[in-house]
């Protein structure tokens, strides 16, 4: 008796669907909100610089200084709200294009962000460090060395003219415009 040959035909599995190509998220709204945030921070820095400058000019200018400080505080609050809106818009844009929690995509995104941050926006921030050091140490140092009533005026003067004023001017003229240019150059 001959052995019967059995041929089993196994159909090949259907081809797997191609992986979806992720398109770039539309970040127009998020960029617009970020420009508004930079403008708000610029108003804050300009008002702080003007208040620091005007504080010692005339004693009767106190209402102006007070108003400038209120404008600065309001601008910081607006910037904080705009940053929250920016992150919500960014999250929405990324979810709409299919981006999700993926380790490889996260590593790639970090590399891209690091490359963008190496531009002039981050390189201008160290210019503020010497003035920040004077801001933090000026008043306490003067108060420790000269604990008299006149030393409060000197320490306060150093705090404003060697700390606050230069940092705010650098932010208005260098840091914030360079951040705006970096944002403009991003695709």
N, C-alpha and C. Protein backbone atom coordinates (compact mmCIF):
# COMPACT_ATOMS: atom_id res chain seq x y z
N UNK A 1 0.84 -1.14 0.00
CA UNK A 1 0.00 0.00 0.00
C UNK A 1 0.90 1.23 0.00
N UNK A 2 0.55 2.10 -0.82
CA UNK A 2 1.33 3.33 -0.94
C UNK A 2 0.86 4.35 0.08
N UNK A 3 1.82 5.04 0.57
CA UNK A 3 1.48 6.08 1.56
C UNK A 3 0.85 7.26 0.85
N UNK A 4 -0.18 7.72 1.41
CA UNK A 4 -0.89 8.85 0.80
C UNK A 4 -0.18 10.14 1.21
N UNK A 5 0.04 10.93 0.24
CA UNK A 5 0.69 12.21 0.52
C UNK A 5 -0.39 13.25 0.80
N UNK A 6 -0.19 13.91 1.87
CA UNK A 6 -1.13 14.96 2.23
C UNK A 6 -0.41 16.29 2.05
N UNK A 7 -1.00 17.12 1.27
CA UNK A 7 -0.44 18.45 1.05
C UNK A 7 -1.35 19.45 1.76
N UNK A 8 -0.77 20.13 2.67
CA UNK A 8 -1.53 21.14 3.39
C UNK A 8 -1.10 22.50 2.85
N UNK A 9 -2.06 23.24 2.39
CA UNK A 9 -1.77 24.57 1.87
C UNK A 9 -2.11 25.57 2.98
N UNK A 10 -1.08 26.28 3.39
CA UNK A 10 -1.27 27.30 4.43
C UNK A 10 -1.23 28.65 3.73
N UNK A 11 -2.34 29.38 3.84
CA UNK A 11 -2.33 30.69 3.18
C UNK A 11 -1.38 31.63 3.93
N UNK A 12 -0.71 32.46 3.16
CA UNK A 12 0.22 33.40 3.79
C UNK A 12 -0.59 34.49 4.52
N UNK A 13 -0.02 34.96 5.62
CA UNK A 13 -0.77 35.98 6.36
C UNK A 13 -0.90 37.26 5.52
N UNK A 14 -1.97 37.97 5.76
CA UNK A 14 -2.15 39.20 4.98
C UNK A 14 -1.03 40.18 5.31
N UNK A 15 -0.64 40.97 4.34
CA UNK A 15 0.45 41.91 4.61
C UNK A 15 0.04 42.90 5.70
N UNK A 16 1.01 43.20 6.55
CA UNK A 16 0.71 44.14 7.64
C UNK A 16 0.54 45.53 7.05
N UNK A 17 -0.38 46.27 7.62
CA UNK A 17 -0.58 47.62 7.08
C UNK A 17 0.66 48.47 7.33
N UNK A 18 0.96 49.37 6.42
CA UNK A 18 2.15 50.19 6.62
C UNK A 18 1.97 51.08 7.85
N UNK A 19 3.09 51.32 8.52
CA UNK A 19 3.03 52.18 9.70
C UNK A 19 2.63 53.59 9.28
N UNK A 20 1.75 54.19 10.06
CA UNK A 20 1.32 55.53 9.67
C UNK A 20 2.48 56.52 9.73
N UNK A 21 2.54 57.35 8.74
CA UNK A 21 3.57 58.37 8.71
C UNK A 21 3.06 59.54 9.53
N UNK A 22 3.88 59.92 10.49
CA UNK A 22 3.48 61.03 11.35
C UNK A 22 3.75 62.34 10.63
N UNK A 23 2.73 63.14 10.54
CA UNK A 23 2.94 64.45 9.94
C UNK A 23 3.32 65.43 11.04
N UNK A 24 3.94 66.50 10.63
CA UNK A 24 4.37 67.52 11.59
C UNK A 24 3.15 68.23 12.14
N UNK A 25 3.15 68.48 13.44
CA UNK A 25 2.00 69.18 14.02
C UNK A 25 1.95 70.64 13.57
N UNK A 26 0.74 71.15 13.47
CA UNK A 26 0.56 72.56 13.12
C UNK A 26 0.72 73.38 14.40
N UNK A 27 1.79 74.09 14.47
CA UNK A 27 2.13 74.82 15.68
C UNK A 27 1.89 76.32 15.54
N UNK A 28 1.09 76.72 14.56
CA UNK A 28 0.88 78.15 14.34
C UNK A 28 0.25 78.83 15.54
N UNK A 29 -0.79 78.24 16.10
CA UNK A 29 -1.46 78.85 17.26
C UNK A 29 -0.53 78.86 18.47
N UNK A 30 0.21 77.78 18.66
CA UNK A 30 1.13 77.73 19.80
C UNK A 30 2.24 78.78 19.66
N UNK A 31 2.75 78.97 18.43
CA UNK A 31 3.77 79.99 18.22
C UNK A 31 3.21 81.39 18.47
N UNK A 32 1.97 81.63 18.03
CA UNK A 32 1.37 82.95 18.25
C UNK A 32 1.23 83.24 19.74
N UNK A 33 0.83 82.25 20.50
CA UNK A 33 0.71 82.43 21.95
C UNK A 33 2.08 82.66 22.57
N UNK A 34 3.09 81.97 22.06
CA UNK A 34 4.44 82.16 22.60
C UNK A 34 4.96 83.56 22.29
N UNK A 35 4.65 84.10 21.08
CA UNK A 35 5.03 85.48 20.78
C UNK A 35 4.35 86.45 21.74
N UNK A 36 3.08 86.21 22.07
CA UNK A 36 2.39 87.05 23.04
C UNK A 36 3.04 86.96 24.42
N UNK A 37 3.48 85.76 24.77
CA UNK A 37 4.16 85.57 26.05
C UNK A 37 5.47 86.33 26.08
N UNK A 38 6.24 86.28 25.02
CA UNK A 38 7.50 87.02 24.95
C UNK A 38 7.24 88.52 25.03
N UNK A 39 6.18 88.98 24.35
CA UNK A 39 5.83 90.41 24.43
C UNK A 39 5.43 90.81 25.84
N UNK A 40 4.70 89.95 26.51
CA UNK A 40 4.30 90.23 27.89
C UNK A 40 5.51 90.28 28.81
N UNK A 41 6.44 89.36 28.63
CA UNK A 41 7.67 89.38 29.43
C UNK A 41 8.51 90.62 29.13
N UNK A 42 8.48 91.08 27.88
CA UNK A 42 9.21 92.29 27.53
C UNK A 42 8.60 93.49 28.26
N UNK A 43 7.27 93.58 28.29
CA UNK A 43 6.60 94.66 29.02
C UNK A 43 6.97 94.59 30.50
N UNK A 44 6.99 93.39 31.05
CA UNK A 44 7.37 93.21 32.46
C UNK A 44 8.78 93.73 32.72
N UNK A 45 9.73 93.33 31.88
CA UNK A 45 11.13 93.75 32.07
C UNK A 45 11.28 95.26 31.88
N UNK A 46 10.59 95.82 30.88
CA UNK A 46 10.69 97.26 30.65
C UNK A 46 10.11 98.04 31.82
N UNK A 47 9.00 97.57 32.36
CA UNK A 47 8.40 98.26 33.50
C UNK A 47 9.29 98.16 34.74
N UNK A 48 9.89 97.00 34.96
CA UNK A 48 10.80 96.85 36.10
C UNK A 48 12.03 97.74 35.95
N UNK A 49 12.59 97.82 34.74
CA UNK A 49 13.75 98.67 34.51
C UNK A 49 13.39 100.14 34.72
N UNK A 50 12.23 100.55 34.23
CA UNK A 50 11.80 101.94 34.41
C UNK A 50 11.56 102.25 35.89
N UNK A 51 10.98 101.30 36.61
CA UNK A 51 10.74 101.50 38.04
C UNK A 51 12.06 101.59 38.81
N UNK A 52 13.02 100.75 38.47
CA UNK A 52 14.33 100.80 39.14
C UNK A 52 15.05 102.10 38.84
N UNK A 53 14.91 102.59 37.63
CA UNK A 53 15.57 103.84 37.25
C UNK A 53 14.89 105.04 37.91
N UNK A 54 13.56 105.04 37.92
CA UNK A 54 12.82 106.20 38.43
C UNK A 54 12.75 106.25 39.95
N UNK A 55 13.07 105.20 40.61
CA UNK A 55 12.91 105.13 42.05
C UNK A 55 13.72 106.17 42.81
N UNK A 56 14.89 106.53 42.30
CA UNK A 56 15.76 107.46 43.01
C UNK A 56 15.77 108.86 42.39
N UNK A 57 14.97 109.10 41.38
CA UNK A 57 15.00 110.41 40.74
C UNK A 57 14.41 111.50 41.62
N UNK A 58 13.15 111.32 41.98
CA UNK A 58 12.44 112.33 42.76
C UNK A 58 11.56 111.59 43.77
N UNK A 59 11.44 112.12 44.95
CA UNK A 59 10.60 111.48 45.96
C UNK A 59 9.13 111.52 45.59
N UNK A 60 8.71 112.54 44.84
CA UNK A 60 7.29 112.67 44.51
C UNK A 60 6.87 111.75 43.36
N UNK A 61 7.77 110.93 42.86
CA UNK A 61 7.45 110.07 41.72
C UNK A 61 6.94 108.70 42.17
N UNK A 62 6.69 108.53 43.46
CA UNK A 62 6.25 107.24 43.99
C UNK A 62 5.03 106.67 43.28
N UNK A 63 3.99 107.46 42.94
CA UNK A 63 2.85 106.87 42.23
C UNK A 63 3.24 106.26 40.88
N UNK A 64 4.21 106.87 40.21
CA UNK A 64 4.67 106.33 38.92
C UNK A 64 5.38 105.00 39.14
N UNK A 65 6.25 104.95 40.12
CA UNK A 65 6.98 103.71 40.42
C UNK A 65 6.00 102.62 40.82
N UNK A 66 5.03 102.97 41.64
CA UNK A 66 4.02 102.00 42.06
C UNK A 66 3.23 101.46 40.87
N UNK A 67 2.86 102.35 39.96
CA UNK A 67 2.13 101.93 38.76
C UNK A 67 3.00 101.03 37.89
N UNK A 68 4.27 101.38 37.73
CA UNK A 68 5.17 100.54 36.92
C UNK A 68 5.32 99.15 37.53
N UNK A 69 5.41 99.08 38.84
CA UNK A 69 5.52 97.77 39.50
C UNK A 69 4.23 96.96 39.33
N UNK A 70 3.07 97.63 39.36
CA UNK A 70 1.80 96.93 39.13
C UNK A 70 1.70 96.43 37.69
N UNK A 71 2.17 97.24 36.74
CA UNK A 71 2.18 96.81 35.34
C UNK A 71 3.09 95.59 35.18
N UNK A 72 4.23 95.62 35.83
CA UNK A 72 5.17 94.50 35.76
C UNK A 72 4.55 93.23 36.34
N UNK A 73 3.89 93.35 37.47
CA UNK A 73 3.25 92.18 38.09
C UNK A 73 2.12 91.65 37.20
N UNK A 74 1.36 92.54 36.61
CA UNK A 74 0.29 92.11 35.70
C UNK A 74 0.85 91.41 34.48
N UNK A 75 1.95 91.92 33.95
CA UNK A 75 2.56 91.29 32.77
C UNK A 75 3.08 89.90 33.10
N UNK A 76 3.60 89.71 34.30
CA UNK A 76 4.06 88.37 34.70
C UNK A 76 2.88 87.42 34.79
N UNK A 77 1.76 87.87 35.33
CA UNK A 77 0.57 87.01 35.41
C UNK A 77 0.06 86.65 34.02
N UNK A 78 0.03 87.62 33.12
CA UNK A 78 -0.40 87.34 31.75
C UNK A 78 0.54 86.34 31.10
N UNK A 79 1.85 86.50 31.30
CA UNK A 79 2.83 85.57 30.72
C UNK A 79 2.63 84.16 31.28
N UNK A 80 2.35 84.05 32.58
CA UNK A 80 2.13 82.73 33.17
C UNK A 80 0.89 82.07 32.57
N UNK A 81 -0.18 82.82 32.39
CA UNK A 81 -1.38 82.26 31.77
C UNK A 81 -1.12 81.86 30.32
N UNK A 82 -0.35 82.68 29.60
CA UNK A 82 -0.05 82.37 28.20
C UNK A 82 0.83 81.13 28.09
N UNK A 83 1.73 80.92 29.04
CA UNK A 83 2.56 79.71 29.02
C UNK A 83 1.68 78.48 29.21
N UNK A 84 0.70 78.56 30.11
CA UNK A 84 -0.22 77.44 30.30
C UNK A 84 -1.01 77.17 29.03
N UNK A 85 -1.50 78.21 28.38
CA UNK A 85 -2.24 78.05 27.12
C UNK A 85 -1.32 77.48 26.04
N UNK A 86 -0.07 77.93 26.00
CA UNK A 86 0.89 77.43 25.02
C UNK A 86 1.07 75.93 25.14
N UNK A 87 1.26 75.44 26.37
CA UNK A 87 1.46 74.00 26.55
C UNK A 87 0.20 73.21 26.21
N UNK A 88 -0.96 73.75 26.49
CA UNK A 88 -2.19 73.06 26.10
C UNK A 88 -2.32 73.00 24.58
N UNK A 89 -2.02 74.10 23.90
CA UNK A 89 -2.07 74.09 22.43
C UNK A 89 -1.03 73.15 21.84
N UNK A 90 0.13 73.11 22.43
CA UNK A 90 1.18 72.21 21.96
C UNK A 90 0.76 70.76 22.13
N UNK A 91 0.20 70.43 23.28
CA UNK A 91 -0.28 69.07 23.52
C UNK A 91 -1.39 68.70 22.55
N UNK A 92 -2.31 69.62 22.31
CA UNK A 92 -3.41 69.37 21.37
C UNK A 92 -2.89 69.15 19.96
N UNK A 93 -1.94 69.98 19.52
CA UNK A 93 -1.38 69.84 18.17
C UNK A 93 -0.65 68.52 18.01
N UNK A 94 0.07 68.09 19.04
CA UNK A 94 0.80 66.84 18.94
C UNK A 94 -0.14 65.64 18.96
N UNK A 95 -1.19 65.70 19.76
CA UNK A 95 -2.15 64.59 19.79
C UNK A 95 -2.94 64.52 18.49
N UNK A 96 -3.22 65.65 17.89
CA UNK A 96 -3.99 65.67 16.64
C UNK A 96 -3.22 65.04 15.49
N UNK A 97 -1.90 65.03 15.56
CA UNK A 97 -1.10 64.46 14.48
C UNK A 97 -0.66 63.04 14.77
N UNK A 98 -1.04 62.49 15.90
CA UNK A 98 -0.74 61.10 16.17
C UNK A 98 0.47 60.87 17.05
N UNK A 99 1.07 61.90 17.55
CA UNK A 99 2.20 61.70 18.45
C UNK A 99 1.69 61.15 19.77
N UNK A 100 2.39 60.21 20.29
CA UNK A 100 1.98 59.63 21.55
C UNK A 100 3.20 59.30 22.38
N UNK A 101 2.98 58.64 23.49
CA UNK A 101 4.12 58.28 24.33
C UNK A 101 4.95 57.18 23.66
N UNK A 102 6.11 57.54 23.18
CA UNK A 102 7.00 56.62 22.49
C UNK A 102 8.43 57.00 22.89
N UNK A 103 9.18 56.04 23.35
CA UNK A 103 10.53 56.33 23.86
C UNK A 103 11.44 56.88 22.77
N UNK A 104 11.39 56.28 21.57
CA UNK A 104 12.26 56.75 20.48
C UNK A 104 11.88 58.16 20.06
N UNK A 105 10.58 58.42 19.96
CA UNK A 105 10.13 59.75 19.57
C UNK A 105 10.51 60.78 20.63
N UNK A 106 10.46 60.38 21.89
CA UNK A 106 10.82 61.31 22.97
C UNK A 106 12.30 61.65 22.92
N UNK A 107 13.14 60.67 22.66
CA UNK A 107 14.58 60.91 22.58
C UNK A 107 14.87 61.83 21.39
N UNK A 108 14.21 61.58 20.26
CA UNK A 108 14.41 62.42 19.08
C UNK A 108 13.93 63.84 19.34
N UNK A 109 12.80 63.97 20.02
CA UNK A 109 12.27 65.31 20.34
C UNK A 109 13.23 66.06 21.26
N UNK A 110 13.83 65.36 22.23
CA UNK A 110 14.79 66.01 23.12
C UNK A 110 16.02 66.50 22.35
N UNK A 111 16.48 65.69 21.38
CA UNK A 111 17.62 66.10 20.57
C UNK A 111 17.29 67.37 19.78
N UNK A 112 16.10 67.41 19.19
CA UNK A 112 15.69 68.57 18.41
C UNK A 112 15.59 69.80 19.29
N UNK A 113 14.98 69.65 20.47
CA UNK A 113 14.84 70.78 21.38
C UNK A 113 16.22 71.26 21.83
N UNK A 114 17.13 70.34 22.12
CA UNK A 114 18.47 70.74 22.55
C UNK A 114 19.19 71.50 21.44
N UNK A 115 19.04 71.05 20.18
CA UNK A 115 19.67 71.75 19.07
C UNK A 115 19.10 73.16 18.94
N UNK A 116 17.79 73.30 19.13
CA UNK A 116 17.17 74.62 19.03
C UNK A 116 17.61 75.53 20.18
N UNK A 117 17.79 74.94 21.36
CA UNK A 117 18.16 75.75 22.52
C UNK A 117 19.62 76.18 22.49
N UNK A 118 20.41 75.59 21.65
CA UNK A 118 21.81 75.98 21.57
C UNK A 118 21.99 77.27 20.79
N UNK A 119 20.91 77.84 20.31
CA UNK A 119 20.97 79.10 19.58
C UNK A 119 21.27 80.26 20.52
N UNK A 120 21.08 81.43 20.01
CA UNK A 120 21.46 82.63 20.75
C UNK A 120 20.58 82.87 21.97
N UNK A 121 19.37 82.33 22.00
CA UNK A 121 18.49 82.57 23.14
C UNK A 121 19.07 82.09 24.44
N UNK A 122 19.65 80.91 24.45
CA UNK A 122 20.23 80.37 25.67
C UNK A 122 21.62 80.94 25.91
N UNK A 123 22.32 81.27 24.85
CA UNK A 123 23.67 81.80 25.01
C UNK A 123 23.67 83.23 25.56
N UNK A 124 22.54 83.93 25.47
CA UNK A 124 22.50 85.29 26.00
C UNK A 124 22.21 85.32 27.50
N UNK A 125 21.66 84.26 28.04
CA UNK A 125 21.30 84.25 29.46
C UNK A 125 22.52 84.38 30.36
N UNK A 126 23.66 83.74 30.08
CA UNK A 126 24.83 83.93 30.97
C UNK A 126 25.31 85.38 31.07
N UNK A 127 24.92 86.24 30.16
CA UNK A 127 25.30 87.65 30.27
C UNK A 127 24.68 88.29 31.50
N UNK A 128 23.60 87.72 31.99
CA UNK A 128 22.91 88.26 33.17
C UNK A 128 23.53 87.78 34.48
N UNK A 129 24.36 86.75 34.46
CA UNK A 129 24.87 86.16 35.69
C UNK A 129 25.67 87.13 36.57
N UNK A 130 26.58 87.94 36.03
CA UNK A 130 27.30 88.86 36.93
C UNK A 130 26.35 89.83 37.64
N UNK A 131 25.36 90.30 36.92
CA UNK A 131 24.41 91.23 37.52
C UNK A 131 23.51 90.53 38.53
N UNK A 132 23.20 89.27 38.25
CA UNK A 132 22.41 88.49 39.20
C UNK A 132 23.20 88.28 40.49
N UNK A 133 24.49 88.06 40.36
CA UNK A 133 25.34 87.92 41.54
C UNK A 133 25.35 89.21 42.36
N UNK A 134 25.46 90.35 41.68
CA UNK A 134 25.39 91.62 42.38
C UNK A 134 24.02 91.85 43.00
N UNK A 135 22.99 91.40 42.33
CA UNK A 135 21.63 91.55 42.83
C UNK A 135 21.44 90.77 44.13
N UNK A 136 21.96 89.55 44.15
CA UNK A 136 21.77 88.68 45.32
C UNK A 136 22.68 89.09 46.47
N UNK A 137 23.90 89.53 46.17
CA UNK A 137 24.86 89.80 47.25
C UNK A 137 24.98 91.26 47.64
N UNK A 138 24.56 92.18 46.78
CA UNK A 138 24.77 93.61 47.04
C UNK A 138 24.14 94.11 48.32
N UNK A 139 22.86 93.96 48.46
CA UNK A 139 22.16 94.49 49.63
C UNK A 139 22.58 93.79 50.93
N UNK A 140 22.60 92.45 50.98
CA UNK A 140 23.02 91.81 52.25
C UNK A 140 24.47 92.13 52.62
N UNK A 141 25.34 92.27 51.63
CA UNK A 141 26.74 92.57 51.92
C UNK A 141 26.89 93.97 52.52
N UNK A 142 26.22 94.93 51.94
CA UNK A 142 26.28 96.29 52.47
C UNK A 142 25.67 96.34 53.88
N UNK A 143 24.58 95.63 54.09
CA UNK A 143 23.94 95.62 55.41
C UNK A 143 24.85 94.95 56.46
N UNK A 144 25.63 93.97 56.04
CA UNK A 144 26.54 93.30 56.99
C UNK A 144 27.74 94.17 57.31
N UNK A 145 28.23 94.90 56.30
CA UNK A 145 29.43 95.72 56.49
C UNK A 145 29.09 97.03 57.20
N UNK A 146 28.03 97.68 56.76
CA UNK A 146 27.65 98.98 57.31
C UNK A 146 26.22 98.92 57.85
N UNK A 147 26.03 98.45 59.06
CA UNK A 147 24.66 98.34 59.58
C UNK A 147 24.11 99.68 60.09
N UNK A 148 24.15 100.70 59.25
CA UNK A 148 23.59 102.01 59.62
C UNK A 148 22.41 102.32 58.72
N UNK A 149 21.76 103.43 59.01
CA UNK A 149 20.59 103.81 58.22
C UNK A 149 20.99 104.16 56.78
N UNK A 150 22.14 104.79 56.60
CA UNK A 150 22.59 105.16 55.26
C UNK A 150 22.94 103.95 54.41
N UNK A 151 23.30 102.86 55.06
CA UNK A 151 23.67 101.67 54.29
C UNK A 151 22.46 101.05 53.60
N UNK A 152 21.26 101.26 54.16
CA UNK A 152 20.06 100.75 53.49
C UNK A 152 19.89 101.43 52.14
N UNK A 153 20.14 102.73 52.10
CA UNK A 153 20.02 103.47 50.84
C UNK A 153 21.08 103.00 49.84
N UNK A 154 22.31 102.79 50.32
CA UNK A 154 23.38 102.32 49.43
C UNK A 154 23.08 100.92 48.93
N UNK A 155 22.68 100.02 49.82
CA UNK A 155 22.35 98.65 49.41
C UNK A 155 21.18 98.61 48.45
N UNK A 156 20.19 99.43 48.71
CA UNK A 156 19.03 99.50 47.83
C UNK A 156 19.43 100.06 46.47
N UNK A 157 20.32 101.05 46.46
CA UNK A 157 20.81 101.61 45.21
C UNK A 157 21.58 100.56 44.41
N UNK A 158 22.46 99.82 45.09
CA UNK A 158 23.20 98.74 44.41
C UNK A 158 22.26 97.67 43.89
N UNK A 159 21.26 97.35 44.67
CA UNK A 159 20.27 96.34 44.27
C UNK A 159 19.57 96.75 42.98
N UNK A 160 19.18 98.03 42.91
CA UNK A 160 18.45 98.50 41.74
C UNK A 160 19.35 98.76 40.54
N UNK A 161 20.42 99.55 40.73
CA UNK A 161 21.22 99.99 39.59
C UNK A 161 22.28 99.00 39.13
N UNK A 162 22.73 98.13 40.01
CA UNK A 162 23.71 97.14 39.59
C UNK A 162 23.12 95.74 39.46
N UNK A 163 21.87 95.58 39.85
CA UNK A 163 21.23 94.27 39.76
C UNK A 163 20.01 94.28 38.87
N UNK A 164 18.95 94.92 39.31
CA UNK A 164 17.67 94.87 38.59
C UNK A 164 17.77 95.55 37.23
N UNK A 165 18.26 96.79 37.20
CA UNK A 165 18.27 97.55 35.95
C UNK A 165 19.07 96.87 34.84
N UNK A 166 20.32 96.43 35.08
CA UNK A 166 21.05 95.77 33.97
C UNK A 166 20.42 94.46 33.52
N UNK A 167 19.90 93.69 34.46
CA UNK A 167 19.28 92.42 34.06
C UNK A 167 18.04 92.68 33.21
N UNK A 168 17.23 93.64 33.60
CA UNK A 168 16.01 93.93 32.84
C UNK A 168 16.35 94.51 31.47
N UNK A 169 17.36 95.36 31.40
CA UNK A 169 17.77 95.92 30.10
C UNK A 169 18.31 94.82 29.20
N UNK A 170 19.13 93.92 29.75
CA UNK A 170 19.63 92.80 28.95
C UNK A 170 18.50 91.91 28.46
N UNK A 171 17.51 91.69 29.32
CA UNK A 171 16.36 90.88 28.90
C UNK A 171 15.58 91.57 27.78
N UNK A 172 15.37 92.88 27.91
CA UNK A 172 14.61 93.61 26.89
C UNK A 172 15.36 93.71 25.56
N UNK A 173 16.66 93.90 25.62
CA UNK A 173 17.42 94.17 24.40
C UNK A 173 18.14 92.97 23.82
N UNK A 174 18.33 91.91 24.60
CA UNK A 174 19.13 90.80 24.12
C UNK A 174 18.41 89.45 24.25
N UNK A 175 17.99 89.09 25.43
CA UNK A 175 17.47 87.75 25.68
C UNK A 175 16.13 87.53 24.99
N UNK A 176 15.15 88.37 25.27
CA UNK A 176 13.81 88.16 24.70
C UNK A 176 13.77 88.32 23.18
N UNK A 177 14.45 89.33 22.58
CA UNK A 177 14.48 89.36 21.12
C UNK A 177 15.15 88.14 20.49
N UNK A 178 16.21 87.63 21.12
CA UNK A 178 16.85 86.44 20.55
C UNK A 178 15.95 85.21 20.68
N UNK A 179 15.18 85.12 21.77
CA UNK A 179 14.21 84.02 21.88
C UNK A 179 13.14 84.14 20.81
N UNK A 180 12.69 85.35 20.53
CA UNK A 180 11.70 85.56 19.48
C UNK A 180 12.27 85.16 18.12
N UNK A 181 13.54 85.50 17.87
CA UNK A 181 14.16 85.10 16.60
C UNK A 181 14.32 83.59 16.51
N UNK A 182 14.68 82.94 17.60
CA UNK A 182 14.76 81.47 17.59
C UNK A 182 13.42 80.86 17.29
N UNK A 183 12.36 81.42 17.87
CA UNK A 183 11.01 80.92 17.62
C UNK A 183 10.62 81.13 16.18
N UNK A 184 11.04 82.24 15.62
CA UNK A 184 10.74 82.54 14.21
C UNK A 184 11.46 81.56 13.28
N UNK A 185 12.68 81.16 13.63
CA UNK A 185 13.45 80.26 12.78
C UNK A 185 13.02 78.80 12.89
N UNK A 186 12.24 78.45 13.92
CA UNK A 186 11.78 77.08 14.05
C UNK A 186 10.77 76.76 12.96
N UNK A 187 10.84 75.53 12.44
CA UNK A 187 9.87 75.12 11.42
C UNK A 187 8.65 74.60 12.12
